[in-house]
Protein backbone atom coordinates (compact mmCIF):
# COMPACT_ATOMS: atom_id res chain seq x y z
CA MET A 1 -9.98 5.92 21.52
CA PRO A 2 -9.04 2.50 20.07
CA ILE A 3 -6.71 2.27 17.08
CA ALA A 4 -9.35 0.31 15.15
CA ALA A 5 -13.11 0.31 15.59
CA ASP A 6 -13.12 -3.48 15.94
CA THR A 7 -10.44 -3.52 18.66
CA SER A 8 -11.41 -3.89 22.31
CA PRO A 9 -9.98 -1.33 24.75
CA ASP A 10 -7.87 -4.06 26.41
CA ALA A 11 -6.43 -5.27 23.12
CA ASP A 12 -5.82 -1.68 22.06
CA ALA A 13 -3.86 -0.99 25.26
CA VAL A 14 -1.71 -4.09 24.73
CA GLN A 15 -1.03 -3.12 21.11
CA LEU A 16 -0.15 0.46 22.06
CA LEU A 17 2.27 -0.79 24.72
CA ALA A 18 3.88 -3.15 22.20
CA TYR A 19 4.36 -0.29 19.72
CA ARG A 20 5.88 1.90 22.44
CA ARG A 21 8.31 -0.86 23.41
CA MET A 22 9.42 -1.30 19.79
CA GLY A 23 10.91 2.15 19.65
CA GLY A 24 11.15 4.24 16.53
CA ALA A 25 13.17 1.74 14.51
CA GLY A 26 10.79 -1.10 15.30
CA ARG A 27 7.74 0.96 14.40
CA ALA A 28 9.42 2.00 11.14
CA GLN A 29 10.04 -1.68 10.31
CA VAL A 30 6.36 -2.44 10.90
CA MET A 31 5.36 0.51 8.70
CA PHE A 32 7.66 -0.57 5.86
CA ARG A 33 6.39 -4.16 6.07
CA LEU A 34 2.74 -3.05 6.03
CA THR A 35 3.42 -0.71 3.11
CA ALA A 36 5.05 -3.54 1.13
CA MET A 37 2.11 -5.83 1.91
CA ALA A 38 -0.37 -3.17 0.78
CA ARG A 39 1.51 -2.67 -2.50
CA GLU A 40 1.61 -6.43 -3.14
CA THR A 41 -2.12 -6.63 -2.44
CA ALA A 42 -2.78 -3.74 -4.83
CA LYS A 43 -0.64 -5.39 -7.55
CA ALA A 44 -2.48 -8.69 -7.05
CA GLY A 45 -5.78 -6.85 -7.47
CA ILE A 46 -4.55 -5.19 -10.67
CA ARG A 47 -3.36 -8.55 -12.04
CA GLY A 48 -6.70 -10.13 -11.11
CA ARG A 49 -8.67 -7.42 -12.90
CA HIS A 50 -6.28 -7.28 -15.86
CA PRO A 51 -4.69 -10.70 -16.44
CA ASP A 52 -3.43 -9.48 -19.82
CA TYR A 53 -1.15 -6.83 -18.25
CA ASP A 54 2.55 -7.58 -18.28
CA HIS A 55 4.80 -6.62 -15.34
CA GLY A 56 5.46 -3.12 -16.68
CA GLN A 57 1.78 -2.46 -17.19
CA VAL A 58 0.99 -3.65 -13.66
CA MET A 59 3.64 -1.25 -12.32
CA ARG A 60 2.26 1.66 -14.39
CA ALA A 61 -1.28 0.91 -13.20
CA LEU A 62 0.00 0.79 -9.62
CA ALA A 63 1.78 4.12 -10.12
CA ARG A 64 -1.48 5.62 -11.37
CA LEU A 65 -3.28 4.31 -8.31
CA LEU A 66 -0.63 5.67 -5.93
CA TYR A 67 0.43 8.92 -7.59
CA GLY A 68 -2.40 9.97 -9.91
CA ASP A 69 -2.77 10.69 -13.59
CA GLU A 70 -0.64 13.84 -13.79
CA LEU A 71 2.52 12.27 -12.38
CA VAL A 72 2.07 9.07 -14.39
CA ARG A 73 1.72 11.13 -17.60
CA ARG A 74 4.92 12.99 -16.71
CA ALA A 75 6.79 9.78 -15.87
CA TRP A 76 5.59 7.89 -18.97
CA PRO A 77 4.88 10.54 -21.62
CA GLY A 78 3.07 9.22 -24.64
CA GLN A 79 1.93 6.05 -22.85
CA GLU A 80 -1.75 5.36 -22.32
CA LEU A 81 -3.15 5.55 -18.80
CA LEU A 82 -3.88 2.03 -17.60
CA GLU A 83 -6.80 1.14 -15.38
CA PRO A 84 -5.66 -0.04 -11.96
């Protein structure tokens, strides 16, 4: 089964081989880079929807998106929940 629905079987095989050749450390680097890119994209979306948010508010909204209301309330008691 292909990694992505829009990936051809040939492209999928090449990608799988490339990941195998990277080894664990290489795959971890890819994962960390993709995670960082996803967080930056999420923060850009929050800033686009809420241009009035300062940096701290963007980070709290991101935390709510990633970790949920309960953990955000525990991390920032007394602070309002911000819309992501």
